PDB file of all heavy atoms in Angstrom:
ATOM      1  N   ASP A   1      -1.647  -3.555  -2.993  1.00  0.00           N
ATOM      2  CA  ASP A   1      -1.192  -2.666  -4.071  1.00  0.00           C
ATOM      3  C   ASP A   1      -1.920  -2.989  -5.394  1.00  0.00           C
ATOM      4  O   ASP A   1      -2.324  -2.101  -6.132  1.00  0.00           O
ATOM      5  CB  ASP A   1       0.344  -2.731  -4.268  1.00  0.00           C
ATOM      6  CG  ASP A   1       1.037  -2.101  -3.013  1.00  0.00           C
ATOM      7  OD1 ASP A   1       0.443  -1.301  -2.329  1.00  0.00           O
ATOM      8  OD2 ASP A   1       2.222  -2.508  -2.815  1.00  0.00           O
ATOM      9  N   PHE A   2      -1.981  -4.262  -5.691  1.00  0.00           N
ATOM     10  CA  PHE A   2      -2.623  -4.692  -6.982  1.00  0.00           C
ATOM     11  C   PHE A   2      -4.067  -4.309  -6.987  1.00  0.00           C
ATOM     12  O   PHE A   2      -4.572  -3.814  -8.009  1.00  0.00           O
ATOM     13  CB  PHE A   2      -2.471  -6.201  -7.148  1.00  0.00           C
ATOM     14  CG  PHE A   2      -3.147  -6.752  -8.395  1.00  0.00           C
ATOM     15  CD1 PHE A   2      -2.563  -6.647  -9.602  1.00  0.00           C
ATOM     16  CD2 PHE A   2      -4.418  -7.313  -8.286  1.00  0.00           C
ATOM     17  CE1 PHE A   2      -3.167  -7.079 -10.788  1.00  0.00           C
ATOM     18  CE2 PHE A   2      -5.019  -7.792  -9.435  1.00  0.00           C
ATOM     19  CZ  PHE A   2      -4.420  -7.685 -10.671  1.00  0.00           C
ATOM     20  N   ASP A   3      -4.800  -4.546  -5.894  1.00  0.00           N
ATOM     21  CA  ASP A   3      -6.233  -4.176  -5.834  1.00  0.00           C
ATOM     22  C   ASP A   3      -6.424  -2.653  -6.029  1.00  0.00           C
ATOM     23  O   ASP A   3      -7.369  -2.290  -6.728  1.00  0.00           O
ATOM     24  CB  ASP A   3      -6.818  -4.594  -4.500  1.00  0.00           C
ATOM     25  CG  ASP A   3      -6.955  -6.145  -4.365  1.00  0.00           C
ATOM     26  OD1 ASP A   3      -6.839  -6.808  -5.406  1.00  0.00           O
ATOM     27  OD2 ASP A   3      -7.187  -6.620  -3.255  1.00  0.00           O
ATOM     28  N   ARG A   4      -5.560  -1.886  -5.455  1.00  0.00           N
ATOM     29  CA  ARG A   4      -5.682  -0.400  -5.626  1.00  0.00           C
ATOM     30  C   ARG A   4      -5.439  -0.031  -7.071  1.00  0.00           C
ATOM     31  O   ARG A   4      -6.131   0.855  -7.645  1.00  0.00           O
ATOM     32  CB  ARG A   4      -4.715   0.302  -4.691  1.00  0.00           C
ATOM     33  CG  ARG A   4      -5.176   0.236  -3.243  1.00  0.00           C
ATOM     34  CD  ARG A   4      -4.045   0.815  -2.334  1.00  0.00           C
ATOM     35  NE  ARG A   4      -4.539   0.941  -0.930  1.00  0.00           N
ATOM     36  CZ  ARG A   4      -3.734   1.134   0.076  1.00  0.00           C
ATOM     37  NH1 ARG A   4      -2.440   1.308  -0.096  1.00  0.00           N
ATOM     38  NH2 ARG A   4      -4.241   1.238   1.323  1.00  0.00           N
ATOM     39  N   GLU A   5      -4.429  -0.630  -7.681  1.00  0.00           N
ATOM     40  CA  GLU A   5      -4.130  -0.313  -9.097  1.00  0.00           C
ATOM     41  C   GLU A   5      -5.239  -0.701 -10.038  1.00  0.00           C
ATOM     42  O   GLU A   5      -5.546   0.021 -11.031  1.00  0.00           O
ATOM     43  CB  GLU A   5      -2.835  -1.025  -9.512  1.00  0.00           C
ATOM     44  CG  GLU A   5      -1.574  -0.506  -8.817  1.00  0.00           C
ATOM     45  CD  GLU A   5      -0.369  -1.351  -9.145  1.00  0.00           C
ATOM     46  OE1 GLU A   5      -0.541  -2.314  -9.942  1.00  0.00           O
ATOM     47  OE2 GLU A   5       0.723  -1.114  -8.568  1.00  0.00           O
ATOM     48  N   ARG A   6      -5.908  -1.841  -9.765  1.00  0.00           N
ATOM     49  CA  ARG A   6      -6.986  -2.294 -10.638  1.00  0.00           C
ATOM     50  C   ARG A   6      -8.420  -1.847 -10.273  1.00  0.00           C
ATOM     51  O   ARG A   6      -9.348  -2.162 -10.922  1.00  0.00           O
ATOM     52  CB  ARG A   6      -6.941  -3.866 -10.591  1.00  0.00           C
ATOM     53  CG  ARG A   6      -5.650  -4.524 -11.052  1.00  0.00           C
ATOM     54  CD  ARG A   6      -5.502  -4.476 -12.569  1.00  0.00           C
ATOM     55  NE  ARG A   6      -6.481  -5.280 -13.256  1.00  0.00           N
ATOM     56  CZ  ARG A   6      -6.409  -5.665 -14.538  1.00  0.00           C
ATOM     57  NH1 ARG A   6      -5.326  -5.325 -15.214  1.00  0.00           N
ATOM     58  NH2 ARG A   6      -7.339  -6.389 -15.073  1.00  0.00           N
ATOM     59  N   GLY A   7      -8.475  -1.091  -9.163  1.00  0.00           N
ATOM     60  CA  GLY A   7      -9.772  -0.576  -8.735  1.00  0.00           C
ATOM     61  C   GLY A   7     -10.669  -1.656  -8.118  1.00  0.00           C
ATOM     62  O   GLY A   7     -11.865  -1.554  -8.185  1.00  0.00           O
ATOM     63  N   LEU A   8     -10.027  -2.695  -7.576  1.00  0.00           N
ATOM     64  CA  LEU A   8     -10.768  -3.785  -6.920  1.00  0.00           C
ATOM     65  C   LEU A   8     -10.978  -3.418  -5.468  1.00  0.00           C
ATOM     66  O   LEU A   8     -10.231  -2.698  -4.817  1.00  0.00           O
ATOM     67  CB  LEU A   8      -9.992  -5.074  -6.998  1.00  0.00           C
ATOM     68  CG  LEU A   8      -9.771  -5.622  -8.441  1.00  0.00           C
ATOM     69  CD1 LEU A   8      -8.886  -6.789  -8.435  1.00  0.00           C
ATOM     70  CD2 LEU A   8     -11.129  -6.000  -9.167  1.00  0.00           C
ATOM     71  N   PHE A   9     -12.071  -3.965  -4.901  1.00  0.00           N
ATOM     72  CA  PHE A   9     -12.478  -3.617  -3.535  1.00  0.00           C
ATOM     73  C   PHE A   9     -12.078  -4.681  -2.544  1.00  0.00           C
ATOM     74  O   PHE A   9     -12.355  -5.872  -2.757  1.00  0.00           O
ATOM     75  CB  PHE A   9     -14.036  -3.414  -3.456  1.00  0.00           C
ATOM     76  CG  PHE A   9     -14.472  -2.193  -4.203  1.00  0.00           C
ATOM     77  CD1 PHE A   9     -14.664  -2.223  -5.572  1.00  0.00           C
ATOM     78  CD2 PHE A   9     -14.774  -0.993  -3.567  1.00  0.00           C
ATOM     79  CE1 PHE A   9     -15.122  -1.110  -6.303  1.00  0.00           C
ATOM     80  CE2 PHE A   9     -15.201   0.094  -4.202  1.00  0.00           C
ATOM     81  CZ  PHE A   9     -15.417   0.054  -5.571  1.00  0.00           C
ATOM     82  N   SER A  10     -11.430  -4.247  -1.466  1.00  0.00           N
ATOM     83  CA  SER A  10     -11.176  -5.113  -0.359  1.00  0.00           C
ATOM     84  C   SER A  10     -10.955  -4.181   0.851  1.00  0.00           C
ATOM     85  O   SER A  10     -10.688  -3.024   0.708  1.00  0.00           O
ATOM     86  CB  SER A  10      -9.924  -5.972  -0.541  1.00  0.00           C
ATOM     87  OG  SER A  10      -8.733  -5.173  -0.474  1.00  0.00           O
ATOM     88  N   ILE A  11     -11.123  -4.720   2.024  1.00  0.00           N
ATOM     89  CA  ILE A  11     -11.010  -3.824   3.166  1.00  0.00           C
ATOM     90  C   ILE A  11      -9.504  -3.337   3.322  1.00  0.00           C
ATOM     91  O   ILE A  11      -9.314  -2.153   3.566  1.00  0.00           O
ATOM     92  CB  ILE A  11     -11.440  -4.606   4.448  1.00  0.00           C
ATOM     93  CG1 ILE A  11     -12.975  -4.653   4.483  1.00  0.00           C
ATOM     94  CG2 ILE A  11     -10.913  -3.908   5.708  1.00  0.00           C
ATOM     95  CD1 ILE A  11     -13.547  -5.376   5.603  1.00  0.00           C
ATOM     96  N   PRO A  12      -8.506  -4.232   3.159  1.00  0.00           N
ATOM     97  CA  PRO A  12      -7.143  -3.699   3.229  1.00  0.00           C
ATOM     98  C   PRO A  12      -6.813  -2.592   2.170  1.00  0.00           C
ATOM     99  O   PRO A  12      -6.127  -1.646   2.477  1.00  0.00           O
ATOM    100  CB  PRO A  12      -6.288  -4.934   2.973  1.00  0.00           C
ATOM    101  CG  PRO A  12      -7.104  -6.044   3.459  1.00  0.00           C
ATOM    102  CD  PRO A  12      -8.496  -5.693   3.042  1.00  0.00           C
ATOM    103  N   SER A  13      -7.308  -2.768   0.944  1.00  0.00           N
ATOM    104  CA  SER A  13      -7.063  -1.708  -0.059  1.00  0.00           C
ATOM    105  C   SER A  13      -7.787  -0.415   0.221  1.00  0.00           C
ATOM    106  O   SER A  13      -7.350   0.637  -0.285  1.00  0.00           O
ATOM    107  CB  SER A  13      -7.427  -2.290  -1.463  1.00  0.00           C
ATOM    108  OG  SER A  13      -8.837  -2.410  -1.586  1.00  0.00           O
ATOM    109  N   ARG A  14      -8.889  -0.492   0.973  1.00  0.00           N
ATOM    110  CA  ARG A  14      -9.695   0.687   1.245  1.00  0.00           C
ATOM    111  C   ARG A  14      -9.207   1.438   2.505  1.00  0.00           C
ATOM    112  O   ARG A  14      -9.204   2.658   2.547  1.00  0.00           O
ATOM    113  CB  ARG A  14     -11.148   0.355   1.395  1.00  0.00           C
ATOM    114  CG  ARG A  14     -11.819  -0.048   0.107  1.00  0.00           C
ATOM    115  CD  ARG A  14     -11.818   1.202  -0.838  1.00  0.00           C
ATOM    116  NE  ARG A  14     -12.159   0.814  -2.259  1.00  0.00           N
ATOM    117  CZ  ARG A  14     -12.197   1.616  -3.236  1.00  0.00           C
ATOM    118  NH1 ARG A  14     -11.927   2.919  -3.035  1.00  0.00           N
ATOM    119  NH2 ARG A  14     -12.505   1.221  -4.434  1.00  0.00           N
ATOM    120  N   VAL A  15      -8.906   0.698   3.561  1.00  0.00           N
ATOM    121  CA  VAL A  15      -8.585   1.316   4.808  1.00  0.00           C
ATOM    122  C   VAL A  15      -7.098   1.188   5.178  1.00  0.00           C
ATOM    123  O   VAL A  15      -6.636   1.768   6.188  1.00  0.00           O
ATOM    124  CB  VAL A  15      -9.451   0.843   5.959  1.00  0.00           C
ATOM    125  CG1 VAL A  15     -10.862   1.014   5.636  1.00  0.00           C
ATOM    126  CG2 VAL A  15      -9.135  -0.615   6.296  1.00  0.00           C
ATOM    127  N   GLY A  16      -6.347   0.440   4.446  1.00  0.00           N
ATOM    128  CA  GLY A  16      -4.915   0.220   4.765  1.00  0.00           C
ATOM    129  C   GLY A  16      -4.745  -1.073   5.550  1.00  0.00           C
ATOM    130  O   GLY A  16      -5.620  -1.463   6.309  1.00  0.00           O
ATOM    131  N   PRO A  17      -3.543  -1.633   5.521  1.00  0.00           N
ATOM    132  CA  PRO A  17      -3.299  -2.942   6.146  1.00  0.00           C
ATOM    133  C   PRO A  17      -3.453  -2.865   7.696  1.00  0.00           C
ATOM    134  O   PRO A  17      -4.043  -3.818   8.285  1.00  0.00           O
ATOM    135  CB  PRO A  17      -1.836  -3.230   5.808  1.00  0.00           C
ATOM    136  CG  PRO A  17      -1.562  -2.493   4.483  1.00  0.00           C
ATOM    137  CD  PRO A  17      -2.452  -1.277   4.628  1.00  0.00           C
ATOM    138  N   GLN A  18      -3.025  -1.806   8.315  1.00  0.00           N
ATOM    139  CA  GLN A  18      -3.097  -1.761   9.791  1.00  0.00           C
ATOM    140  C   GLN A  18      -4.518  -1.747  10.266  1.00  0.00           C
ATOM    141  O   GLN A  18      -4.913  -2.500  11.173  1.00  0.00           O
ATOM    142  CB  GLN A  18      -2.291  -0.526  10.343  1.00  0.00           C
ATOM    143  CG  GLN A  18      -2.037  -0.625  11.862  1.00  0.00           C
ATOM    144  CD  GLN A  18      -1.316  -1.840  12.265  1.00  0.00           C
ATOM    145  OE1 GLN A  18      -0.185  -2.070  11.799  1.00  0.00           O
ATOM    146  NE2 GLN A  18      -1.908  -2.677  13.123  1.00  0.00           N
ATOM    147  N   ARG A  19      -5.334  -0.891   9.698  1.00  0.00           N
ATOM    148  CA  ARG A  19      -6.744  -0.844  10.068  1.00  0.00           C
ATOM    149  C   ARG A  19      -7.475  -2.144   9.688  1.00  0.00           C
ATOM    150  O   ARG A  19      -8.388  -2.576  10.424  1.00  0.00           O
ATOM    151  CB  ARG A  19      -7.404   0.315   9.427  1.00  0.00           C
ATOM    152  CG  ARG A  19      -6.984   1.710  10.054  1.00  0.00           C
ATOM    153  CD  ARG A  19      -7.703   2.868   9.325  1.00  0.00           C
ATOM    154  NE  ARG A  19      -7.331   4.179   9.886  1.00  0.00           N
ATOM    155  CZ  ARG A  19      -7.732   5.318   9.474  1.00  0.00           C
ATOM    156  NH1 ARG A  19      -8.521   5.380   8.392  1.00  0.00           N
ATOM    157  NH2 ARG A  19      -7.286   6.420  10.019  1.00  0.00           N
ATOM    158  N   ALA A  20      -7.075  -2.695   8.589  1.00  0.00           N
ATOM    159  CA  ALA A  20      -7.697  -3.936   8.133  1.00  0.00           C
ATOM    160  C   ALA A  20      -7.417  -5.051   9.122  1.00  0.00           C
ATOM    161  O   ALA A  20      -8.326  -5.913   9.451  1.00  0.00           O
ATOM    162  CB  ALA A  20      -7.117  -4.357   6.757  1.00  0.00           C
ATOM    163  N   LEU A  21      -6.237  -5.105   9.721  1.00  0.00           N
ATOM    164  CA  LEU A  21      -5.844  -6.076  10.740  1.00  0.00           C
ATOM    165  C   LEU A  21      -6.747  -5.903  11.990  1.00  0.00           C
ATOM    166  O   LEU A  21      -7.208  -6.895  12.586  1.00  0.00           O
ATOM    167  CB  LEU A  21      -4.427  -5.971  11.138  1.00  0.00           C
ATOM    168  CG  LEU A  21      -3.420  -6.670  10.242  1.00  0.00           C
ATOM    169  CD1 LEU A  21      -1.989  -6.325  10.599  1.00  0.00           C
ATOM    170  CD2 LEU A  21      -3.648  -8.218  10.285  1.00  0.00           C
ATOM    171  N   THR A  22      -7.011  -4.674  12.351  1.00  0.00           N
ATOM    172  CA  THR A  22      -7.866  -4.356  13.463  1.00  0.00           C
ATOM    173  C   THR A  22      -9.328  -4.891  13.182  1.00  0.00           C
ATOM    174  O   THR A  22      -9.958  -5.505  14.066  1.00  0.00           O
ATOM    175  CB  THR A  22      -7.952  -2.838  13.749  1.00  0.00           C
ATOM    176  OG1 THR A  22      -6.627  -2.387  14.037  1.00  0.00           O
ATOM    177  CG2 THR A  22      -8.876  -2.561  14.875  1.00  0.00           C
ATOM    178  N   ILE A  23      -9.780  -4.639  11.985  1.00  0.00           N
ATOM    179  CA  ILE A  23     -11.136  -5.146  11.615  1.00  0.00           C
ATOM    180  C   ILE A  23     -11.160  -6.660  11.639  1.00  0.00           C
ATOM    181  O   ILE A  23     -12.106  -7.255  12.173  1.00  0.00           O
ATOM    182  CB  ILE A  23     -11.562  -4.585  10.220  1.00  0.00           C
ATOM    183  CG1 ILE A  23     -11.702  -3.052  10.274  1.00  0.00           C
ATOM    184  CG2 ILE A  23     -12.826  -5.277   9.720  1.00  0.00           C
ATOM    185  CD1 ILE A  23     -11.896  -2.447   8.934  1.00  0.00           C
ATOM    186  N   ALA A  24     -10.115  -7.358  11.155  1.00  0.00           N
ATOM    187  CA  ALA A  24     -10.045  -8.819  11.202  1.00  0.00           C
ATOM    188  C   ALA A  24     -10.099  -9.290  12.634  1.00  0.00           C
ATOM    189  O   ALA A  24     -10.750 -10.257  12.907  1.00  0.00           O
ATOM    190  CB  ALA A  24      -8.786  -9.260  10.514  1.00  0.00           C
ATOM    191  N   ARG A  25      -9.375  -8.602  13.523  1.00  0.00           N
ATOM    192  CA  ARG A  25      -9.398  -8.990  14.965  1.00  0.00           C
ATOM    193  C   ARG A  25     -10.836  -8.853  15.508  1.00  0.00           C
ATOM    194  O   ARG A  25     -11.298  -9.699  16.286  1.00  0.00           O
ATOM    195  CB  ARG A  25      -8.418  -8.178  15.711  1.00  0.00           C
ATOM    196  CG  ARG A  25      -6.943  -8.481  15.401  1.00  0.00           C
ATOM    197  CD  ARG A  25      -5.999  -7.557  16.146  1.00  0.00           C
ATOM    198  NE  ARG A  25      -4.668  -7.801  15.674  1.00  0.00           N
ATOM    199  CZ  ARG A  25      -3.801  -6.876  15.293  1.00  0.00           C
ATOM    200  NH1 ARG A  25      -4.176  -5.550  15.361  1.00  0.00           N
ATOM    201  NH2 ARG A  25      -2.568  -7.130  14.919  1.00  0.00           N
ATOM    202  N   LEU A  26     -11.511  -7.770  15.118  1.00  0.00           N
ATOM    203  CA  LEU A  26     -12.899  -7.569  15.618  1.00  0.00           C
ATOM    204  C   LEU A  26     -13.768  -8.668  15.102  1.00  0.00           C
ATOM    205  O   LEU A  26     -14.683  -9.185  15.808  1.00  0.00           O
ATOM    206  CB  LEU A  26     -13.399  -6.187  15.200  1.00  0.00           C
ATOM    207  CG  LEU A  26     -12.705  -4.986  15.933  1.00  0.00           C
ATOM    208  CD1 LEU A  26     -13.187  -3.705  15.330  1.00  0.00           C
ATOM    209  CD2 LEU A  26     -13.027  -5.054  17.440  1.00  0.00           C
ATOM    210  N   PHE A  27     -13.600  -9.020  13.811  1.00  0.00           N
ATOM    211  CA  PHE A  27     -14.426 -10.106  13.236  1.00  0.00           C
ATOM    212  C   PHE A  27     -14.182 -11.422  14.009  1.00  0.00           C
ATOM    213  O   PHE A  27     -15.116 -12.182  14.257  1.00  0.00           O
ATOM    214  CB  PHE A  27     -14.129 -10.282  11.756  1.00  0.00           C
ATOM    215  CG  PHE A  27     -14.758  -9.241  10.815  1.00  0.00           C
ATOM    216  CD1 PHE A  27     -14.446  -9.235   9.540  1.00  0.00           C
ATOM    217  CD2 PHE A  27     -15.692  -8.416  11.335  1.00  0.00           C
ATOM    218  CE1 PHE A  27     -15.022  -8.315   8.669  1.00  0.00           C
ATOM    219  CE2 PHE A  27     -16.318  -7.437  10.522  1.00  0.00           C
ATOM    220  CZ  PHE A  27     -15.980  -7.452   9.165  1.00  0.00           C
ATOM    221  N   HIS A  28     -12.906 -11.681  14.311  1.00  0.00           N
ATOM    222  CA  HIS A  28     -12.663 -12.961  15.026  1.00  0.00           C
ATOM    223  C   HIS A  28     -13.094 -12.882  16.496  1.00  0.00           C
ATOM    224  O   HIS A  28     -13.466 -13.934  17.064  1.00  0.00           O
ATOM    225  CB  HIS A  28     -11.153 -13.235  14.898  1.00  0.00           C
ATOM    226  CG  HIS A  28     -10.798 -13.833  13.536  1.00  0.00           C
ATOM    227  ND1 HIS A  28      -9.507 -13.794  13.023  1.00  0.00           N
ATOM    228  CD2 HIS A  28     -11.562 -14.404  12.624  1.00  0.00           C
ATOM    229  CE1 HIS A  28      -9.528 -14.427  11.849  1.00  0.00           C
ATOM    230  NE2 HIS A  28     -10.761 -14.756  11.579  1.00  0.00           N
ATOM    231  N   LEU A  29     -13.107 -11.706  17.080  1.00  0.00           N
ATOM    232  CA  LEU A  29     -13.756 -11.552  18.372  1.00  0.00           C
ATOM    233  C   LEU A  29     -15.235 -11.892  18.261  1.00  0.00           C
ATOM    234  O   LEU A  29     -15.807 -12.574  19.133  1.00  0.00           O
ATOM    235  CB  LEU A  29     -13.542 -10.180  18.941  1.00  0.00           C
ATOM    236  CG  LEU A  29     -14.182  -9.833  20.294  1.00  0.00           C
ATOM    237  CD1 LEU A  29     -13.661 -10.821  21.342  1.00  0.00           C
ATOM    238  CD2 LEU A  29     -13.967  -8.397  20.684  1.00  0.00           C
ATOM    239  N   ALA A  30     -15.883 -11.347  17.216  1.00  0.00           N
ATOM    240  CA  ALA A  30     -17.299 -11.713  17.012  1.00  0.00           C
ATOM    241  C   ALA A  30     -17.500 -13.185  16.825  1.00  0.00           C
ATOM    242  O   ALA A  30     -18.513 -13.766  17.249  1.00  0.00           O
ATOM    243  CB  ALA A  30     -17.809 -10.887  15.782  1.00  0.00           C
ATOM    244  N   THR A  31     -16.574 -13.844  16.154  1.00  0.00           N
ATOM    245  CA  THR A  31     -16.630 -15.308  15.979  1.00  0.00           C
ATOM    246  C   THR A  31     -16.691 -15.988  17.281  1.00  0.00           C
ATOM    247  O   THR A  31     -17.544 -16.876  17.529  1.00  0.00           O
ATOM    248  CB  THR A  31     -15.345 -15.794  15.229  1.00  0.00           C
ATOM    249  OG1 THR A  31     -15.316 -15.189  13.945  1.00  0.00           O
ATOM    250  CG2 THR A  31     -15.363 -17.297  15.058  1.00  0.00           C
ATOM    251  N   LEU A  32     -15.826 -15.602  18.206  1.00  0.00           N
ATOM    252  CA  LEU A  32     -15.799 -16.207  19.533  1.00  0.00           C
ATOM    253  C   LEU A  32     -17.124 -15.969  20.320  1.00  0.00           C
ATOM    254  O   LEU A  32     -17.634 -16.838  20.965  1.00  0.00           O
ATOM    255  CB  LEU A  32     -14.615 -15.751  20.351  1.00  0.00           C
ATOM    256  CG  LEU A  32     -13.210 -16.101  19.758  1.00  0.00           C
ATOM    257  CD1 LEU A  32     -12.117 -15.479  20.532  1.00  0.00           C
ATOM    258  CD2 LEU A  32     -13.074 -17.643  19.790  1.00  0.00           C
ATOM    259  N   LEU A  33     -17.653 -14.729  20.221  1.00  0.00           N
ATOM    260  CA  LEU A  33     -18.859 -14.426  20.845  1.00  0.00           C
ATOM    261  C   LEU A  33     -20.017 -15.259  20.309  1.00  0.00           C
ATOM    262  O   LEU A  33     -20.901 -15.734  21.072  1.00  0.00           O
ATOM    263  CB  LEU A  33     -19.211 -12.942  20.706  1.00  0.00           C
ATOM    264  CG  LEU A  33     -18.213 -11.968  21.455  1.00  0.00           C
ATOM    265  CD1 LEU A  33     -18.609 -10.522  21.138  1.00  0.00           C
ATOM    266  CD2 LEU A  33     -18.312 -12.238  22.942  1.00  0.00           C
ATOM    267  N   CYS A  34     -20.029 -15.497  19.043  1.00  0.00           N
ATOM    268  CA  CYS A  34     -21.066 -16.332  18.383  1.00  0.00           C
ATOM    269  C   CYS A  34     -20.876 -17.788  18.840  1.00  0.00           C
ATOM    270  O   CYS A  34     -21.935 -18.444  19.030  1.00  0.00           O
ATOM    271  CB  CYS A  34     -21.002 -16.198  16.903  1.00  0.00           C
ATOM    272  SG  CYS A  34     -21.456 -14.617  16.200  1.00  0.00           S
TER     273      CYS A  34
END
């Protein structure tokens, strides 16, 4: 909420918490593959 109010950029503030969690899971899957 704060990032949206201040115009700051983050994945959760741009796509919403639920989609952000999905992206985080994909990043961590990429971690394991690496």
